Amino acid sequence: MDIGRAFSFVFDDEQWVTSILIMGLLILVPILGSILLIGYMLETARNVAMNSPRPLPKWDNFGDKLSLGFAGFVISLVYALPIIVLAGLVVCAAVGRRWCLGQRGGGWGRCWVAPSCASSRSSSWRPSSSSR
């Protein structure tokens, strides 16, 4: 394994400056550019794995890069889904706890709805002002 090659393979291509400039312009396009760059990255990884002498792919077939990038994006999203769900639950619990502690009495006892994003303040039970 040649670790130095991992950092120098970009410069093996005689048109590396053009490739880097195109990538720099594509990153400015909000969603489509990122998906194209994912496809370019996956194609580059494939070329490196096949030990190609010039691993940087040409920017000639945007359709292939777009479809490969979309597939890579979906796969990344599926792998990140457990983290996204866990983060959402933590945020919902924090928001629910903050809401419950803001109720009269200042504790969990008055909050009969489990802290979640599905519960709303208007639908929960609150003691009436006439009860003492």
C-alpha atoms as a PDB file:
ATOM      1  CA  MET A   1       0.000   0.000   0.000  1.00  0.00           C
ATOM      2  CA  ASP A   2       1.460   3.306  -1.126  1.00  0.00           C
ATOM      3  CA  ILE A   3       0.146   6.030   1.173  1.00  0.00           C
ATOM      4  CA  GLY A   4       1.942   8.768  -0.745  1.00  0.00           C
ATOM      5  CA  ARG A   5       0.026   7.799  -3.886  1.00  0.00           C
ATOM      6  CA  ALA A   6      -3.238   8.578  -2.067  1.00  0.00           C
ATOM      7  CA  PHE A   7      -2.198  12.232  -1.975  1.00  0.00           C
ATOM      8  CA  SER A   8      -0.397  12.478  -5.313  1.00  0.00           C
ATOM      9  CA  PHE A   9      -2.604  10.609  -7.803  1.00  0.00           C
ATOM     10  CA  VAL A  10      -4.488  13.807  -8.658  1.00  0.00           C
ATOM     11  CA  PHE A  11      -1.347  15.345 -10.125  1.00  0.00           C
ATOM     12  CA  ASP A  12      -0.718  12.337 -12.418  1.00  0.00           C
ATOM     13  CA  ASP A  13      -3.384  13.590 -14.810  1.00  0.00           C
ATOM     14  CA  GLU A  14      -2.232  16.345 -17.154  1.00  0.00           C
ATOM     15  CA  GLN A  15      -5.669  18.042 -16.949  1.00  0.00           C
ATOM     16  CA  TRP A  16      -5.983  18.019 -13.174  1.00  0.00           C
ATOM     17  CA  VAL A  17      -6.362  21.806 -12.971  1.00  0.00           C
ATOM     18  CA  THR A  18      -9.405  21.701 -15.273  1.00  0.00           C
ATOM     19  CA  SER A  19     -10.977  18.914 -13.214  1.00  0.00           C
ATOM     20  CA  ILE A  20     -10.444  20.801  -9.962  1.00  0.00           C
ATOM     21  CA  LEU A  21     -11.907  23.999 -11.442  1.00  0.00           C
ATOM     22  CA  ILE A  22     -14.998  22.166 -12.700  1.00  0.00           C
ATOM     23  CA  MET A  23     -15.462  20.621  -9.237  1.00  0.00           C
ATOM     24  CA  GLY A  24     -15.118  24.066  -7.674  1.00  0.00           C
ATOM     25  CA  LEU A  25     -17.813  25.478  -9.946  1.00  0.00           C
ATOM     26  CA  LEU A  26     -20.129  22.511  -9.395  1.00  0.00           C
ATOM     27  CA  ILE A  27     -20.019  22.862  -5.622  1.00  0.00           C
ATOM     28  CA  LEU A  28     -21.698  26.260  -6.083  1.00  0.00           C
ATOM     29  CA  VAL A  29     -24.790  24.597  -7.604  1.00  0.00           C
ATOM     30  CA  PRO A  30     -26.883  23.700  -4.540  1.00  0.00           C
ATOM     31  CA  ILE A  31     -28.224  20.140  -4.916  1.00  0.00           C
ATOM     32  CA  LEU A  32     -27.389  18.977  -8.414  1.00  0.00           C
ATOM     33  CA  GLY A  33     -23.729  19.964  -8.084  1.00  0.00           C
ATOM     34  CA  SER A  34     -23.292  17.974  -4.891  1.00  0.00           C
ATOM     35  CA  ILE A  35     -24.864  14.884  -6.448  1.00  0.00           C
ATOM     36  CA  LEU A  36     -22.585  15.231  -9.486  1.00  0.00           C
ATOM     37  CA  LEU A  37     -19.557  15.519  -7.212  1.00  0.00           C
ATOM     38  CA  ILE A  38     -20.582  12.363  -5.337  1.00  0.00           C
ATOM     39  CA  GLY A  39     -20.750  10.564  -8.691  1.00  0.00           C
ATOM     40  CA  TYR A  40     -17.344  11.933  -9.677  1.00  0.00           C
ATOM     41  CA  MET A  41     -15.901  10.838  -6.342  1.00  0.00           C
ATOM     42  CA  LEU A  42     -17.293   7.311  -6.735  1.00  0.00           C
ATOM     43  CA  GLU A  43     -15.954   7.059 -10.287  1.00  0.00           C
ATOM     44  CA  THR A  44     -12.546   8.233  -9.081  1.00  0.00           C
ATOM     45  CA  ALA A  45     -12.587   5.617  -6.306  1.00  0.00           C
ATOM     46  CA  ARG A  46     -13.462   2.947  -8.871  1.00  0.00           C
ATOM     47  CA  ASN A  47     -10.555   4.021 -11.095  1.00  0.00           C
ATOM     48  CA  VAL A  48      -8.138   3.992  -8.155  1.00  0.00           C
ATOM     49  CA  ALA A  49      -9.319   0.514  -7.136  1.00  0.00           C
ATOM     50  CA  MET A  50      -8.742  -0.732 -10.703  1.00  0.00           C
ATOM     51  CA  ASN A  51      -5.221   0.763 -10.557  1.00  0.00           C
ATOM     52  CA  SER A  52      -5.813   3.054 -13.519  1.00  0.00           C
ATOM     53  CA  PRO A  53      -2.741   5.095 -14.554  1.00  0.00           C
ATOM     54  CA  ARG A  54      -4.889   8.273 -14.666  1.00  0.00           C
ATOM     55  CA  PRO A  55      -7.587   7.837 -12.017  1.00  0.00           C
ATOM     56  CA  LEU A  56      -9.308  11.207 -12.499  1.00  0.00           C
ATOM     57  CA  PRO A  57     -12.307  10.631 -14.782  1.00  0.00           C
ATOM     58  CA  LYS A  58     -13.121  13.021 -17.613  1.00  0.00           C
ATOM     59  CA  TRP A  59     -16.081  15.383 -17.344  1.00  0.00           C
ATOM     60  CA  ASP A  60     -17.698  14.090 -20.516  1.00  0.00           C
ATOM     61  CA  ASN A  61     -20.713  12.098 -19.319  1.00  0.00           C
ATOM     62  CA  PHE A  62     -22.737  14.064 -16.775  1.00  0.00           C
ATOM     63  CA  GLY A  63     -25.665  11.614 -16.935  1.00  0.00           C
ATOM     64  CA  ASP A  64     -23.600   8.703 -15.646  1.00  0.00           C
ATOM     65  CA  LYS A  65     -22.085  10.834 -12.914  1.00  0.00           C
ATOM     66  CA  LEU A  66     -25.537  12.097 -11.933  1.00  0.00           C
ATOM     67  CA  SER A  67     -27.047   8.604 -11.694  1.00  0.00           C
ATOM     68  CA  LEU A  68     -24.018   7.240  -9.843  1.00  0.00           C
ATOM     69  CA  GLY A  69     -24.070  10.251  -7.510  1.00  0.00           C
ATOM     70  CA  PHE A  70     -27.777   9.863  -6.796  1.00  0.00           C
ATOM     71  CA  ALA A  71     -27.268   6.192  -5.941  1.00  0.00           C
ATOM     72  CA  GLY A  72     -24.362   7.142  -3.684  1.00  0.00           C
ATOM     73  CA  PHE A  73     -26.467   9.837  -2.003  1.00  0.00           C
ATOM     74  CA  VAL A  74     -29.321   7.385  -1.327  1.00  0.00           C
ATOM     75  CA  ILE A  75     -26.900   4.801   0.088  1.00  0.00           C
ATOM     76  CA  SER A  76     -25.317   7.456   2.321  1.00  0.00           C
ATOM     77  CA  LEU A  77     -28.749   8.563   3.491  1.00  0.00           C
ATOM     78  CA  VAL A  78     -29.745   4.991   4.370  1.00  0.00           C
ATOM     79  CA  TYR A  79     -26.543   4.535   6.375  1.00  0.00           C
ATOM     80  CA  ALA A  80     -27.088   7.878   8.155  1.00  0.00           C
ATOM     81  CA  LEU A  81     -30.766   7.235   8.925  1.00  0.00           C
ATOM     82  CA  PRO A  82     -30.208   5.731  12.411  1.00  0.00           C
ATOM     83  CA  ILE A  83     -28.150   8.771  13.433  1.00  0.00           C
ATOM     84  CA  ILE A  84     -30.776  11.143  12.001  1.00  0.00           C
ATOM     85  CA  VAL A  85     -33.582   9.374  13.881  1.00  0.00           C
ATOM     86  CA  LEU A  86     -31.586   9.329  17.122  1.00  0.00           C
ATOM     87  CA  ALA A  87     -30.782  13.036  16.815  1.00  0.00           C
ATOM     88  CA  GLY A  88     -34.447  13.785  16.138  1.00  0.00           C
ATOM     89  CA  LEU A  89     -35.510  11.868  19.247  1.00  0.00           C
ATOM     90  CA  VAL A  90     -32.978  13.722  21.385  1.00  0.00           C
ATOM     91  CA  VAL A  91     -34.209  17.073  20.064  1.00  0.00           C
ATOM     92  CA  CYS A  92     -37.850  16.105  20.620  1.00  0.00           C
ATOM     93  CA  ALA A  93     -37.104  14.966  24.154  1.00  0.00           C
ATOM     94  CA  ALA A  94     -35.270  18.209  24.912  1.00  0.00           C
ATOM     95  CA  VAL A  95     -38.085  20.331  23.497  1.00  0.00           C
ATOM     96  CA  GLY A  96     -40.705  18.277  25.330  1.00  0.00           C
ATOM     97  CA  ARG A  97     -38.825  18.501  28.602  1.00  0.00           C
ATOM     98  CA  ARG A  98     -38.467  22.245  28.235  1.00  0.00           C
ATOM     99  CA  TRP A  99     -42.173  22.548  27.530  1.00  0.00           C
ATOM    100  CA  CYS A 100     -43.161  20.354  30.498  1.00  0.00           C
ATOM    101  CA  LEU A 101     -40.947  22.242  32.922  1.00  0.00           C
ATOM    102  CA  GLY A 102     -42.567  25.471  31.772  1.00  0.00           C
ATOM    103  CA  GLN A 103     -46.023  24.258  32.944  1.00  0.00           C
ATOM    104  CA  ARG A 104     -47.532  25.347  36.246  1.00  0.00           C
ATOM    105  CA  GLY A 105     -45.962  23.523  39.102  1.00  0.00           C
ATOM    106  CA  GLY A 106     -42.568  23.467  37.402  1.00  0.00           C
ATOM    107  CA  GLY A 107     -42.203  19.727  37.217  1.00  0.00           C
ATOM    108  CA  TRP A 108     -43.027  16.562  35.322  1.00  0.00           C
ATOM    109  CA  GLY A 109     -46.115  15.912  37.465  1.00  0.00           C
ATOM    110  CA  ARG A 110     -48.307  18.367  35.582  1.00  0.00           C
ATOM    111  CA  CYS A 111     -47.187  17.196  32.180  1.00  0.00           C
ATOM    112  CA  TRP A 112     -49.362  14.200  31.318  1.00  0.00           C
ATOM    113  CA  VAL A 113     -48.274  13.996  27.686  1.00  0.00           C
ATOM    114  CA  ALA A 114     -44.979  12.222  27.001  1.00  0.00           C
ATOM    115  CA  PRO A 115     -42.465  14.731  25.672  1.00  0.00           C
ATOM    116  CA  SER A 116     -42.558  14.364  21.942  1.00  0.00           C
ATOM    117  CA  CYS A 117     -42.829  16.477  18.851  1.00  0.00           C
ATOM    118  CA  ALA A 118     -46.317  15.100  18.200  1.00  0.00           C
ATOM    119  CA  SER A 119     -47.831  16.723  21.269  1.00  0.00           C
ATOM    120  CA  SER A 120     -48.900  20.332  21.130  1.00  0.00           C
ATOM    121  CA  ARG A 121     -49.423  22.812  23.909  1.00  0.00           C
ATOM    122  CA  SER A 122     -53.023  23.548  22.976  1.00  0.00           C
ATOM    123  CA  SER A 123     -54.180  19.927  23.151  1.00  0.00           C
ATOM    124  CA  SER A 124     -52.705  19.096  26.542  1.00  0.00           C
ATOM    125  CA  TRP A 125     -54.450  19.299  29.895  1.00  0.00           C
ATOM    126  CA  ARG A 126     -53.876  22.383  31.971  1.00  0.00           C
ATOM    127  CA  PRO A 127     -55.416  23.065  35.358  1.00  0.00           C
ATOM    128  CA  SER A 128     -58.150  25.654  35.280  1.00  0.00           C
ATOM    129  CA  SER A 129     -57.675  28.946  37.051  1.00  0.00           C
ATOM    130  CA  SER A 130     -60.733  28.321  39.271  1.00  0.00           C
ATOM    131  CA  SER A 131     -59.277  25.209  40.937  1.00  0.00           C
ATOM    132  CA  ARG A 132     -57.380  25.834  44.143  1.00  0.00           C
END
